[in-house]
PDB file of all heavy atoms in Angstrom:
ATOM      1  N   PHE A   1      18.126   0.727  28.668  1.00  0.00           N
ATOM      2  CA  PHE A   1      19.367   0.260  28.131  1.00  0.00           C
ATOM      3  C   PHE A   1      19.125  -0.217  26.611  1.00  0.00           C
ATOM      4  O   PHE A   1      20.044   0.076  25.800  1.00  0.00           O
ATOM      5  CB  PHE A   1      20.059  -0.907  28.927  1.00  0.00           C
ATOM      6  CG  PHE A   1      21.346  -1.347  28.406  1.00  0.00           C
ATOM      7  CD1 PHE A   1      22.352  -0.479  28.364  1.00  0.00           C
ATOM      8  CD2 PHE A   1      21.523  -2.591  27.895  1.00  0.00           C
ATOM      9  CE1 PHE A   1      23.731  -0.868  27.947  1.00  0.00           C
ATOM     10  CE2 PHE A   1      22.730  -2.978  27.464  1.00  0.00           C
ATOM     11  CZ  PHE A   1      23.827  -2.212  27.421  1.00  0.00           C
ATOM     12  N   THR A   2      18.045  -0.836  26.421  1.00  0.00           N
ATOM     13  CA  THR A   2      17.681  -1.373  25.048  1.00  0.00           C
ATOM     14  C   THR A   2      17.532  -0.127  24.128  1.00  0.00           C
ATOM     15  O   THR A   2      18.015  -0.129  22.980  1.00  0.00           O
ATOM     16  CB  THR A   2      16.467  -2.230  25.055  1.00  0.00           C
ATOM     17  OG1 THR A   2      16.644  -3.311  25.962  1.00  0.00           O
ATOM     18  CG2 THR A   2      16.112  -2.659  23.673  1.00  0.00           C
ATOM     19  N   VAL A   3      16.897   0.953  24.666  1.00  0.00           N
ATOM     20  CA  VAL A   3      16.693   2.167  23.813  1.00  0.00           C
ATOM     21  C   VAL A   3      18.067   2.763  23.463  1.00  0.00           C
ATOM     22  O   VAL A   3      18.345   3.093  22.390  1.00  0.00           O
ATOM     23  CB  VAL A   3      15.814   3.185  24.534  1.00  0.00           C
ATOM     24  CG1 VAL A   3      15.847   4.535  23.891  1.00  0.00           C
ATOM     25  CG2 VAL A   3      14.379   2.635  24.588  1.00  0.00           C
ATOM     26  N   VAL A   4      18.995   2.837  24.586  1.00  0.00           N
ATOM     27  CA  VAL A   4      20.206   3.372  24.206  1.00  0.00           C
ATOM     28  C   VAL A   4      21.013   2.587  23.170  1.00  0.00           C
ATOM     29  O   VAL A   4      21.561   3.171  22.271  1.00  0.00           O
ATOM     30  CB  VAL A   4      21.042   3.446  25.525  1.00  0.00           C
ATOM     31  CG1 VAL A   4      22.516   3.775  25.289  1.00  0.00           C
ATOM     32  CG2 VAL A   4      20.405   4.483  26.470  1.00  0.00           C
ATOM     33  N   LEU A   5      20.890   1.140  23.224  1.00  0.00           N
ATOM     34  CA  LEU A   5      21.724   0.469  22.254  1.00  0.00           C
ATOM     35  C   LEU A   5      21.136   0.593  20.869  1.00  0.00           C
ATOM     36  O   LEU A   5      21.742   0.688  19.873  1.00  0.00           O
ATOM     37  CB  LEU A   5      21.534  -1.038  22.625  1.00  0.00           C
ATOM     38  CG  LEU A   5      22.408  -1.518  23.785  1.00  0.00           C
ATOM     39  CD1 LEU A   5      22.034  -2.960  24.118  1.00  0.00           C
ATOM     40  CD2 LEU A   5      23.940  -1.229  23.620  1.00  0.00           C
ATOM     41  N   GLU A   6      19.680   0.636  20.833  1.00  0.00           N
ATOM     42  CA  GLU A   6      19.065   0.825  19.490  1.00  0.00           C
ATOM     43  C   GLU A   6      19.396   2.233  18.931  1.00  0.00           C
ATOM     44  O   GLU A   6      19.380   2.317  17.681  1.00  0.00           O
ATOM     45  CB  GLU A   6      17.469   0.629  19.573  1.00  0.00           C
ATOM     46  CG  GLU A   6      16.994  -0.728  19.949  1.00  0.00           C
ATOM     47  CD  GLU A   6      15.587  -0.865  20.271  1.00  0.00           C
ATOM     48  OE1 GLU A   6      14.887   0.087  20.383  1.00  0.00           O
ATOM     49  OE2 GLU A   6      15.096  -1.862  20.347  1.00  0.00           O
ATOM     50  N   CYS A   7      19.580   3.189  19.702  1.00  0.00           N
ATOM     51  CA  CYS A   7      19.774   4.559  19.143  1.00  0.00           C
ATOM     52  C   CYS A   7      21.225   4.827  18.952  1.00  0.00           C
ATOM     53  O   CYS A   7      21.514   5.917  18.352  1.00  0.00           O
ATOM     54  CB  CYS A   7      19.317   5.641  20.058  1.00  0.00           C
ATOM     55  SG  CYS A   7      17.550   5.528  20.449  1.00  0.00           S
ATOM     56  N   ALA A   8      22.200   3.964  19.349  1.00  0.00           N
ATOM     57  CA  ALA A   8      23.576   4.230  19.220  1.00  0.00           C
ATOM     58  C   ALA A   8      24.000   4.576  17.792  1.00  0.00           C
ATOM     59  O   ALA A   8      24.963   5.355  17.638  1.00  0.00           O
ATOM     60  CB  ALA A   8      24.456   3.079  19.809  1.00  0.00           C
ATOM     61  N   THR A   9      23.424   3.856  16.854  1.00  0.00           N
ATOM     62  CA  THR A   9      23.931   4.093  15.484  1.00  0.00           C
ATOM     63  C   THR A   9      23.064   4.895  14.610  1.00  0.00           C
ATOM     64  O   THR A   9      23.360   5.099  13.488  1.00  0.00           O
ATOM     65  CB  THR A   9      24.053   2.692  14.847  1.00  0.00           C
ATOM     66  OG1 THR A   9      22.781   2.000  14.792  1.00  0.00           O
ATOM     67  CG2 THR A   9      25.147   1.833  15.486  1.00  0.00           C
ATOM     68  N   LEU A  10      21.975   5.536  15.173  1.00  0.00           N
ATOM     69  CA  LEU A  10      21.123   6.273  14.524  1.00  0.00           C
ATOM     70  C   LEU A  10      21.540   7.647  14.235  1.00  0.00           C
ATOM     71  O   LEU A  10      22.215   8.232  15.043  1.00  0.00           O
ATOM     72  CB  LEU A  10      19.637   6.324  15.207  1.00  0.00           C
ATOM     73  CG  LEU A  10      18.977   4.988  15.433  1.00  0.00           C
ATOM     74  CD1 LEU A  10      17.671   5.164  16.162  1.00  0.00           C
ATOM     75  CD2 LEU A  10      18.717   4.202  14.164  1.00  0.00           C
ATOM     76  N   SER A  11      21.165   8.318  13.032  1.00  0.00           N
ATOM     77  CA  SER A  11      21.516   9.699  12.733  1.00  0.00           C
ATOM     78  C   SER A  11      20.468  10.549  13.559  1.00  0.00           C
ATOM     79  O   SER A  11      19.553   9.899  14.108  1.00  0.00           O
ATOM     80  CB  SER A  11      21.315   9.958  11.267  1.00  0.00           C
ATOM     81  OG  SER A  11      19.985   9.816  10.867  1.00  0.00           O
ATOM     82  N   GLU A  12      20.660  11.811  13.581  1.00  0.00           N
ATOM     83  CA  GLU A  12      19.906  12.665  14.274  1.00  0.00           C
ATOM     84  C   GLU A  12      18.346  12.627  13.770  1.00  0.00           C
ATOM     85  O   GLU A  12      17.378  12.559  14.530  1.00  0.00           O
ATOM     86  CB  GLU A  12      20.227  14.149  14.216  1.00  0.00           C
ATOM     87  CG  GLU A  12      21.370  14.433  15.210  1.00  0.00           C
ATOM     88  CD  GLU A  12      21.483  15.971  15.278  1.00  0.00           C
ATOM     89  OE1 GLU A  12      20.548  16.681  15.463  1.00  0.00           O
ATOM     90  OE2 GLU A  12      22.790  16.320  15.087  1.00  0.00           O
ATOM     91  N   VAL A  13      18.136  12.545  12.478  1.00  0.00           N
ATOM     92  CA  VAL A  13      16.773  12.307  11.881  1.00  0.00           C
ATOM     93  C   VAL A  13      16.216  11.034  12.213  1.00  0.00           C
ATOM     94  O   VAL A  13      15.063  11.070  12.625  1.00  0.00           O
ATOM     95  CB  VAL A  13      16.935  12.515  10.346  1.00  0.00           C
ATOM     96  CG1 VAL A  13      15.498  12.339   9.685  1.00  0.00           C
ATOM     97  CG2 VAL A  13      17.449  13.785   9.989  1.00  0.00           C
ATOM     98  N   GLU A  14      16.928  10.027  12.212  1.00  0.00           N
ATOM     99  CA  GLU A  14      16.433   8.618  12.533  1.00  0.00           C
ATOM    100  C   GLU A  14      16.096   8.564  13.990  1.00  0.00           C
ATOM    101  O   GLU A  14      15.166   7.963  14.442  1.00  0.00           O
ATOM    102  CB  GLU A  14      17.496   7.552  12.182  1.00  0.00           C
ATOM    103  CG  GLU A  14      17.635   7.483  10.643  1.00  0.00           C
ATOM    104  CD  GLU A  14      18.888   6.559  10.364  1.00  0.00           C
ATOM    105  OE1 GLU A  14      19.899   6.488  11.103  1.00  0.00           O
ATOM    106  OE2 GLU A  14      18.798   5.824   9.361  1.00  0.00           O
ATOM    107  N   LEU A  15      17.005   9.223  14.752  1.00  0.00           N
ATOM    108  CA  LEU A  15      16.845   9.223  16.308  1.00  0.00           C
ATOM    109  C   LEU A  15      15.455  10.025  16.627  1.00  0.00           C
ATOM    110  O   LEU A  15      14.690   9.510  17.380  1.00  0.00           O
ATOM    111  CB  LEU A  15      17.959   9.924  16.989  1.00  0.00           C
ATOM    112  CG  LEU A  15      17.855  10.059  18.521  1.00  0.00           C
ATOM    113  CD1 LEU A  15      17.692   8.586  19.150  1.00  0.00           C
ATOM    114  CD2 LEU A  15      18.992  10.717  18.958  1.00  0.00           C
ATOM    115  N   SER A  16      15.226  11.119  15.863  1.00  0.00           N
ATOM    116  CA  SER A  16      14.075  11.922  16.159  1.00  0.00           C
ATOM    117  C   SER A  16      12.857  11.014  15.734  1.00  0.00           C
ATOM    118  O   SER A  16      11.827  11.165  16.523  1.00  0.00           O
ATOM    119  CB  SER A  16      14.010  13.248  15.306  1.00  0.00           C
ATOM    120  OG  SER A  16      15.012  14.046  15.643  1.00  0.00           O
ATOM    121  N   GLU A  17      12.829  10.447  14.671  1.00  0.00           N
ATOM    122  CA  GLU A  17      11.683   9.556  14.286  1.00  0.00           C
ATOM    123  C   GLU A  17      11.609   8.402  15.207  1.00  0.00           C
ATOM    124  O   GLU A  17      10.353   8.022  15.686  1.00  0.00           O
ATOM    125  CB  GLU A  17      12.020   9.021  12.859  1.00  0.00           C
ATOM    126  CG  GLU A  17      10.927   7.995  12.344  1.00  0.00           C
ATOM    127  CD  GLU A  17       9.531   8.643  12.264  1.00  0.00           C
ATOM    128  OE1 GLU A  17       9.382   9.799  12.092  1.00  0.00           O
ATOM    129  OE2 GLU A  17       8.562   7.958  12.451  1.00  0.00           O
ATOM    130  N   TYR A  18      12.629   7.827  15.757  1.00  0.00           N
ATOM    131  CA  TYR A  18      12.467   6.748  16.682  1.00  0.00           C
ATOM    132  C   TYR A  18      11.748   7.173  18.013  1.00  0.00           C
ATOM    133  O   TYR A  18      10.941   6.695  18.523  1.00  0.00           O
ATOM    134  CB  TYR A  18      13.977   6.188  16.924  1.00  0.00           C
ATOM    135  CG  TYR A  18      14.072   5.159  18.045  1.00  0.00           C
ATOM    136  CD1 TYR A  18      13.822   3.774  17.663  1.00  0.00           C
ATOM    137  CD2 TYR A  18      14.197   5.350  19.346  1.00  0.00           C
ATOM    138  CE1 TYR A  18      13.887   2.741  18.700  1.00  0.00           C
ATOM    139  CE2 TYR A  18      14.290   4.391  20.365  1.00  0.00           C
ATOM    140  CZ  TYR A  18      14.128   3.126  19.972  1.00  0.00           C
ATOM    141  OH  TYR A  18      14.171   2.148  20.913  1.00  0.00           O
ATOM    142  N   CYS A  19      12.318   8.485  18.413  1.00  0.00           N
ATOM    143  CA  CYS A  19      11.780   9.023  19.744  1.00  0.00           C
ATOM    144  C   CYS A  19      10.221   9.256  19.519  1.00  0.00           C
ATOM    145  O   CYS A  19       9.427   9.021  20.416  1.00  0.00           O
ATOM    146  CB  CYS A  19      12.513  10.130  20.091  1.00  0.00           C
ATOM    147  SG  CYS A  19      14.089   9.883  20.662  1.00  0.00           S
ATOM    148  N   ARG A  20       9.852   9.817  18.378  1.00  0.00           N
ATOM    149  CA  ARG A  20       8.340  10.016  18.106  1.00  0.00           C
ATOM    150  C   ARG A  20       7.732   8.729  18.229  1.00  0.00           C
ATOM    151  O   ARG A  20       6.518   8.626  18.749  1.00  0.00           O
ATOM    152  CB  ARG A  20       8.250  10.687  16.807  1.00  0.00           C
ATOM    153  CG  ARG A  20       8.443  12.181  16.810  1.00  0.00           C
ATOM    154  CD  ARG A  20       7.904  12.936  15.545  1.00  0.00           C
ATOM    155  NE  ARG A  20       8.608  12.473  14.439  1.00  0.00           N
ATOM    156  CZ  ARG A  20       9.807  12.999  13.986  1.00  0.00           C
ATOM    157  NH1 ARG A  20      10.464  13.951  14.694  1.00  0.00           N
ATOM    158  NH2 ARG A  20      10.368  12.655  12.829  1.00  0.00           N
ATOM    159  N   ARG A  21       8.137   7.655  17.581  1.00  0.00           N
ATOM    160  CA  ARG A  21       7.474   6.492  17.670  1.00  0.00           C
ATOM    161  C   ARG A  21       7.258   5.832  19.052  1.00  0.00           C
ATOM    162  O   ARG A  21       6.335   5.302  19.391  1.00  0.00           O
ATOM    163  CB  ARG A  21       8.213   5.420  16.759  1.00  0.00           C
ATOM    164  CG  ARG A  21       7.842   5.423  15.348  1.00  0.00           C
ATOM    165  CD  ARG A  21       8.327   4.090  14.596  1.00  0.00           C
ATOM    166  NE  ARG A  21       9.438   3.486  15.087  1.00  0.00           N
ATOM    167  CZ  ARG A  21      10.791   3.614  14.615  1.00  0.00           C
ATOM    168  NH1 ARG A  21      10.959   4.476  13.438  1.00  0.00           N
ATOM    169  NH2 ARG A  21      11.723   3.100  15.073  1.00  0.00           N
ATOM    170  N   LYS A  22       8.305   6.038  19.786  1.00  0.00           N
ATOM    171  CA  LYS A  22       8.262   5.449  21.286  1.00  0.00           C
ATOM    172  C   LYS A  22       7.736   6.425  22.207  1.00  0.00           C
ATOM    173  O   LYS A  22       7.588   6.009  23.364  1.00  0.00           O
ATOM    174  CB  LYS A  22       9.767   5.227  21.634  1.00  0.00           C
ATOM    175  CG  LYS A  22      10.383   4.073  20.735  1.00  0.00           C
ATOM    176  CD  LYS A  22       9.905   2.711  21.147  1.00  0.00           C
ATOM    177  CE  LYS A  22      10.644   1.617  20.431  1.00  0.00           C
ATOM    178  NZ  LYS A  22      10.251   0.331  21.019  1.00  0.00           N
ATOM    179  N   GLY A  23       7.500   7.637  21.835  1.00  0.00           N
ATOM    180  CA  GLY A  23       6.866   8.554  22.734  1.00  0.00           C
ATOM    181  C   GLY A  23       7.922   9.054  23.630  1.00  0.00           C
ATOM    182  O   GLY A  23       7.658   9.320  24.848  1.00  0.00           O
ATOM    183  N   LEU A  24       9.166   9.298  23.287  1.00  0.00           N
ATOM    184  CA  LEU A  24      10.249   9.725  24.003  1.00  0.00           C
ATOM    185  C   LEU A  24      10.746  11.138  23.556  1.00  0.00           C
ATOM    186  O   LEU A  24      10.439  11.573  22.562  1.00  0.00           O
ATOM    187  CB  LEU A  24      11.485   8.733  23.911  1.00  0.00           C
ATOM    188  CG  LEU A  24      11.289   7.382  24.415  1.00  0.00           C
ATOM    189  CD1 LEU A  24      12.447   6.491  23.985  1.00  0.00           C
ATOM    190  CD2 LEU A  24      11.066   7.353  26.009  1.00  0.00           C
TER     191      LEU A  24
END
């Protein structure tokens, strides 16, 4: 749920970077 909240406002590029950092 925390991941979903953190990703809610991210652009596709930011979301991709976030996922790489978190291993998702």
